[in-house]
Structure formats: C-alpha cells, structure tokens
C-alpha cells in the first residue's frame, strides 16, 4: 500500500499513525522541507529505524551529504529509472526485515 503526504507535517502525522515500512522523502516540500521532516521523524522512537530515502531533484555537490546528515538512509536524484527505484526500495525493505 502506498500512502502520500503533501507536506512535512502531514508526512509526520501519517508516519506516526501508519508506521510505514519505508518512506520516500521529497527534500523540497511546502511548510517544512524533507530534511527537517526527517529530523522530526527520527525523534520518534517508533520511527527511528524506518528507512527514509531522499527522492529529489537536488543534485548539487553536497546535497547527498545534507540528506544523509539529516539521518536519511539513502539518496536518489531525479530523474530516476523504475529499476533503480525498485532496487533501492527492495534493498531497504529487506534490511528492515532482517534486523
């Protein structure tokens, strides 16, 4: 099942209520960007280990590091191929199921 949130505060509320297996996080969102949203999600004990993958059009030097410094687990830049996205999701889902 895929759930979507249009802003950071909605993403936090949705994640708290649904406890997703994985979160694809847009870095540029209204109200609260994906970096701050991720920091707040990581403050929630139940969501600390949920994989968060940055999926963003940001592709400047240092952008990947900013995402990882905010506690995201991975970074994918747009445009992205379906196989690359599928492989990343499969990788992170399989890691959470073996921990």
N, C-alpha and C. Protein backbone atom coordinates (compact mmCIF):
# COMPACT_ATOMS: atom_id res chain seq x y z
N UNK A 1 0.85 -1.18 0.00
CA UNK A 1 0.00 0.00 0.00
C UNK A 1 0.89 1.23 0.00
N UNK A 2 0.56 2.20 -0.82
CA UNK A 2 1.30 3.45 -0.91
C UNK A 2 0.43 4.57 -0.35
N UNK A 3 1.01 5.34 0.55
CA UNK A 3 0.34 6.50 1.14
C UNK A 3 1.13 7.73 0.75
N UNK A 4 0.47 8.87 0.60
CA UNK A 4 1.15 10.10 0.20
C UNK A 4 0.77 11.25 1.11
N UNK A 5 1.75 12.10 1.37
CA UNK A 5 1.54 13.32 2.15
C UNK A 5 2.08 14.48 1.32
N UNK A 6 1.40 15.61 1.38
CA UNK A 6 1.79 16.77 0.56
C UNK A 6 2.72 17.74 1.26
N UNK A 7 2.91 17.58 2.56
CA UNK A 7 3.80 18.49 3.28
C UNK A 7 4.42 17.73 4.46
N UNK A 8 5.41 18.35 5.07
CA UNK A 8 6.13 17.69 6.16
C UNK A 8 5.26 17.34 7.35
N UNK A 9 4.40 18.25 7.78
CA UNK A 9 3.57 17.96 8.96
C UNK A 9 2.61 16.81 8.67
N UNK A 10 2.08 16.75 7.45
CA UNK A 10 1.20 15.64 7.08
C UNK A 10 1.99 14.33 7.02
N UNK A 11 3.23 14.39 6.56
CA UNK A 11 4.07 13.19 6.50
C UNK A 11 4.34 12.65 7.90
N UNK A 12 4.59 13.54 8.83
CA UNK A 12 4.85 13.12 10.22
C UNK A 12 3.60 12.47 10.80
N UNK A 13 2.46 13.11 10.63
CA UNK A 13 1.20 12.56 11.17
C UNK A 13 0.89 11.20 10.54
N UNK A 14 1.08 11.09 9.25
CA UNK A 14 0.81 9.83 8.56
C UNK A 14 1.75 8.73 9.04
N UNK A 15 3.03 9.06 9.16
CA UNK A 15 4.01 8.06 9.62
C UNK A 15 3.73 7.62 11.05
N UNK A 16 3.36 8.55 11.91
CA UNK A 16 3.04 8.20 13.30
C UNK A 16 1.84 7.26 13.37
N UNK A 17 0.86 7.50 12.51
CA UNK A 17 -0.35 6.69 12.55
C UNK A 17 -0.24 5.36 11.83
N UNK A 18 0.55 5.32 10.78
CA UNK A 18 0.60 4.13 9.92
C UNK A 18 1.85 3.27 10.10
N UNK A 19 2.91 3.83 10.66
CA UNK A 19 4.17 3.11 10.83
C UNK A 19 4.62 2.41 9.54
N UNK A 20 5.00 3.18 8.53
CA UNK A 20 5.34 2.60 7.22
C UNK A 20 6.60 1.75 7.27
N UNK A 21 6.73 0.87 6.30
CA UNK A 21 7.93 0.05 6.18
C UNK A 21 9.09 0.86 5.62
N UNK A 22 8.76 1.92 4.87
CA UNK A 22 9.78 2.74 4.21
C UNK A 22 9.15 4.08 3.85
N UNK A 23 9.98 5.13 3.84
CA UNK A 23 9.49 6.46 3.48
C UNK A 23 10.35 7.00 2.34
N UNK A 24 9.68 7.41 1.24
CA UNK A 24 10.34 8.16 0.18
C UNK A 24 10.11 9.63 0.51
N UNK A 25 11.18 10.37 0.73
CA UNK A 25 11.07 11.74 1.20
C UNK A 25 11.52 12.74 0.14
N UNK A 26 10.60 13.61 -0.26
CA UNK A 26 10.97 14.71 -1.13
C UNK A 26 11.69 15.75 -0.27
N UNK A 27 12.76 16.29 -0.76
CA UNK A 27 13.51 17.26 0.03
C UNK A 27 12.83 18.62 0.00
N UNK A 28 12.23 18.98 -1.11
CA UNK A 28 11.59 20.29 -1.25
C UNK A 28 10.08 20.12 -1.12
N UNK A 29 9.56 20.46 0.06
CA UNK A 29 8.13 20.38 0.32
C UNK A 29 7.68 21.69 0.95
N UNK A 30 6.38 21.99 0.82
CA UNK A 30 5.87 23.21 1.48
C UNK A 30 5.87 23.05 3.00
N UNK A 31 5.84 24.17 3.69
CA UNK A 31 5.80 24.26 5.16
C UNK A 31 7.12 23.86 5.80
N UNK A 32 7.51 22.61 5.62
CA UNK A 32 8.70 22.06 6.28
C UNK A 32 9.41 21.19 5.24
N UNK A 33 10.69 21.45 5.01
CA UNK A 33 11.38 20.66 3.99
C UNK A 33 11.63 19.23 4.46
N UNK A 34 12.07 18.40 3.55
CA UNK A 34 12.29 16.99 3.86
C UNK A 34 13.39 16.75 4.87
N UNK A 35 14.36 17.64 4.95
CA UNK A 35 15.44 17.48 5.93
C UNK A 35 14.89 17.64 7.35
N UNK A 36 14.13 18.70 7.57
CA UNK A 36 13.55 18.93 8.90
C UNK A 36 12.50 17.86 9.22
N UNK A 37 11.72 17.48 8.23
CA UNK A 37 10.74 16.41 8.44
C UNK A 37 11.44 15.13 8.88
N UNK A 38 12.54 14.79 8.23
CA UNK A 38 13.29 13.59 8.61
C UNK A 38 13.82 13.70 10.03
N UNK A 39 14.37 14.85 10.38
CA UNK A 39 14.88 15.03 11.75
C UNK A 39 13.78 14.80 12.78
N UNK A 40 12.60 15.31 12.49
CA UNK A 40 11.47 15.14 13.43
C UNK A 40 11.00 13.69 13.46
N UNK A 41 10.99 13.03 12.33
CA UNK A 41 10.62 11.60 12.32
C UNK A 41 11.62 10.78 13.13
N UNK A 42 12.89 11.10 13.02
CA UNK A 42 13.92 10.36 13.75
C UNK A 42 13.82 10.59 15.26
N UNK A 43 13.18 11.67 15.67
CA UNK A 43 12.97 11.93 17.10
C UNK A 43 11.89 11.03 17.69
N UNK A 44 11.10 10.40 16.82
CA UNK A 44 10.03 9.49 17.26
C UNK A 44 10.62 8.09 17.46
N UNK A 45 10.60 7.56 18.67
CA UNK A 45 11.20 6.24 18.90
C UNK A 45 10.70 5.15 17.95
N UNK A 46 9.43 5.15 17.63
CA UNK A 46 8.86 4.11 16.78
C UNK A 46 9.31 4.24 15.32
N UNK A 47 9.86 5.39 14.94
CA UNK A 47 10.24 5.62 13.54
C UNK A 47 11.74 5.76 13.33
N UNK A 48 12.51 5.60 14.38
CA UNK A 48 13.96 5.79 14.28
C UNK A 48 14.63 4.86 13.28
N UNK A 49 14.10 3.66 13.14
CA UNK A 49 14.73 2.67 12.26
C UNK A 49 14.03 2.53 10.91
N UNK A 50 12.98 3.29 10.69
CA UNK A 50 12.27 3.24 9.41
C UNK A 50 13.18 3.81 8.31
N UNK A 51 13.46 3.06 7.26
CA UNK A 51 14.31 3.60 6.19
C UNK A 51 13.65 4.81 5.54
N UNK A 52 14.45 5.85 5.36
CA UNK A 52 14.00 7.06 4.68
C UNK A 52 14.95 7.30 3.51
N UNK A 53 14.37 7.34 2.31
CA UNK A 53 15.15 7.56 1.09
C UNK A 53 14.79 8.93 0.53
N UNK A 54 15.80 9.77 0.37
CA UNK A 54 15.59 11.07 -0.28
C UNK A 54 15.37 10.81 -1.75
N UNK A 55 14.30 11.37 -2.27
CA UNK A 55 13.98 11.28 -3.70
C UNK A 55 13.79 12.72 -4.15
N UNK A 56 14.79 13.27 -4.82
CA UNK A 56 14.81 14.71 -5.02
C UNK A 56 15.43 15.12 -6.35
N UNK A 57 15.08 16.30 -6.78
CA UNK A 57 15.68 16.88 -7.97
C UNK A 57 17.00 17.58 -7.62
N UNK A 58 17.28 17.72 -6.34
CA UNK A 58 18.54 18.34 -5.92
C UNK A 58 19.70 17.43 -6.30
N UNK A 59 20.60 17.97 -7.06
CA UNK A 59 21.75 17.16 -7.47
C UNK A 59 23.02 17.99 -7.50
N UNK A 60 23.10 18.94 -6.60
CA UNK A 60 24.28 19.79 -6.50
C UNK A 60 25.28 19.14 -5.56
N UNK A 61 26.56 19.51 -5.70
CA UNK A 61 27.55 18.96 -4.78
C UNK A 61 27.14 19.25 -3.33
N UNK A 62 27.20 18.24 -2.50
CA UNK A 62 26.86 18.39 -1.09
C UNK A 62 25.42 18.04 -0.75
N UNK A 63 24.53 17.97 -1.74
CA UNK A 63 23.12 17.66 -1.45
C UNK A 63 22.97 16.27 -0.84
N UNK A 64 23.67 15.30 -1.37
CA UNK A 64 23.61 13.94 -0.82
C UNK A 64 24.03 13.96 0.65
N UNK A 65 25.11 14.65 0.94
CA UNK A 65 25.62 14.72 2.31
C UNK A 65 24.62 15.40 3.24
N UNK A 66 23.94 16.45 2.77
CA UNK A 66 22.92 17.12 3.59
C UNK A 66 21.80 16.15 3.96
N UNK A 67 21.39 15.34 2.99
CA UNK A 67 20.33 14.36 3.24
C UNK A 67 20.80 13.30 4.24
N UNK A 68 21.99 12.79 4.05
CA UNK A 68 22.50 11.77 4.96
C UNK A 68 22.75 12.34 6.35
N UNK A 69 23.20 13.59 6.42
CA UNK A 69 23.41 14.25 7.72
C UNK A 69 22.09 14.44 8.46
N UNK A 70 20.99 14.55 7.74
CA UNK A 70 19.67 14.69 8.36
C UNK A 70 19.10 13.34 8.79
N UNK A 71 19.89 12.29 8.63
CA UNK A 71 19.53 10.90 9.03
C UNK A 71 18.71 10.15 8.00
N UNK A 72 18.74 10.60 6.75
CA UNK A 72 18.14 9.78 5.70
C UNK A 72 19.08 8.61 5.44
N UNK A 73 18.53 7.51 4.99
CA UNK A 73 19.34 6.31 4.78
C UNK A 73 19.94 6.23 3.38
N UNK A 74 19.31 6.89 2.42
CA UNK A 74 19.77 6.79 1.05
C UNK A 74 19.35 8.06 0.31
N UNK A 75 19.89 8.25 -0.88
CA UNK A 75 19.66 9.46 -1.67
C UNK A 75 19.54 9.06 -3.14
N UNK A 76 18.42 9.38 -3.74
CA UNK A 76 18.21 9.13 -5.17
C UNK A 76 17.81 10.44 -5.81
N UNK A 77 18.47 10.79 -6.93
CA UNK A 77 18.12 12.05 -7.58
C UNK A 77 17.30 11.79 -8.84
N UNK A 78 16.38 12.72 -9.09
CA UNK A 78 15.52 12.64 -10.27
C UNK A 78 16.28 13.19 -11.48
N UNK A 79 16.00 12.73 -12.65
CA UNK A 79 15.05 11.65 -12.95
C UNK A 79 15.64 10.31 -12.52
N UNK A 80 14.78 9.41 -12.13
CA UNK A 80 15.21 8.10 -11.67
C UNK A 80 14.48 7.03 -12.46
N UNK A 81 15.19 6.00 -12.80
CA UNK A 81 14.58 4.88 -13.51
C UNK A 81 13.81 3.99 -12.54
N UNK A 82 12.79 3.34 -13.04
CA UNK A 82 11.99 2.46 -12.19
C UNK A 82 12.81 1.33 -11.59
N UNK A 83 13.75 0.79 -12.35
CA UNK A 83 14.59 -0.30 -11.82
C UNK A 83 15.44 0.18 -10.65
N UNK A 84 16.02 1.36 -10.78
CA UNK A 84 16.83 1.92 -9.70
C UNK A 84 15.97 2.15 -8.44
N UNK A 85 14.79 2.70 -8.63
CA UNK A 85 13.89 2.93 -7.51
C UNK A 85 13.46 1.60 -6.88
N UNK A 86 13.08 0.65 -7.71
CA UNK A 86 12.68 -0.67 -7.22
C UNK A 86 13.82 -1.33 -6.43
N UNK A 87 15.04 -1.28 -6.97
CA UNK A 87 16.19 -1.89 -6.30
C UNK A 87 16.45 -1.24 -4.94
N UNK A 88 16.34 0.07 -4.87
CA UNK A 88 16.57 0.77 -3.61
C UNK A 88 15.50 0.40 -2.58
N UNK A 89 14.25 0.40 -3.00
CA UNK A 89 13.17 0.03 -2.08
C UNK A 89 13.35 -1.40 -1.60
N UNK A 90 13.62 -2.31 -2.51
CA UNK A 90 13.82 -3.72 -2.14
C UNK A 90 14.99 -3.88 -1.17
N UNK A 91 16.07 -3.18 -1.43
CA UNK A 91 17.25 -3.24 -0.55
C UNK A 91 16.89 -2.82 0.88
N UNK A 92 16.25 -1.67 1.02
CA UNK A 92 15.95 -1.15 2.36
C UNK A 92 14.86 -1.93 3.06
N UNK A 93 13.87 -2.43 2.33
CA UNK A 93 12.84 -3.25 2.96
C UNK A 93 13.44 -4.56 3.46
N UNK A 94 14.31 -5.16 2.66
CA UNK A 94 14.92 -6.42 3.09
C UNK A 94 15.82 -6.22 4.31
N UNK A 95 16.46 -5.08 4.43
CA UNK A 95 17.30 -4.80 5.60
C UNK A 95 16.47 -4.67 6.86
N UNK A 96 15.30 -4.06 6.77
CA UNK A 96 14.46 -3.90 7.96
C UNK A 96 13.87 -5.21 8.41
N UNK A 97 13.69 -6.13 7.49
CA UNK A 97 13.10 -7.42 7.85
C UNK A 97 14.11 -8.39 8.41
N UNK A 98 15.41 -8.11 8.26
CA UNK A 98 16.43 -9.00 8.80
C UNK A 98 17.01 -8.48 10.11
N UNK A 99 16.62 -7.26 10.50
CA UNK A 99 17.15 -6.67 11.74
C UNK A 99 16.34 -7.12 12.92
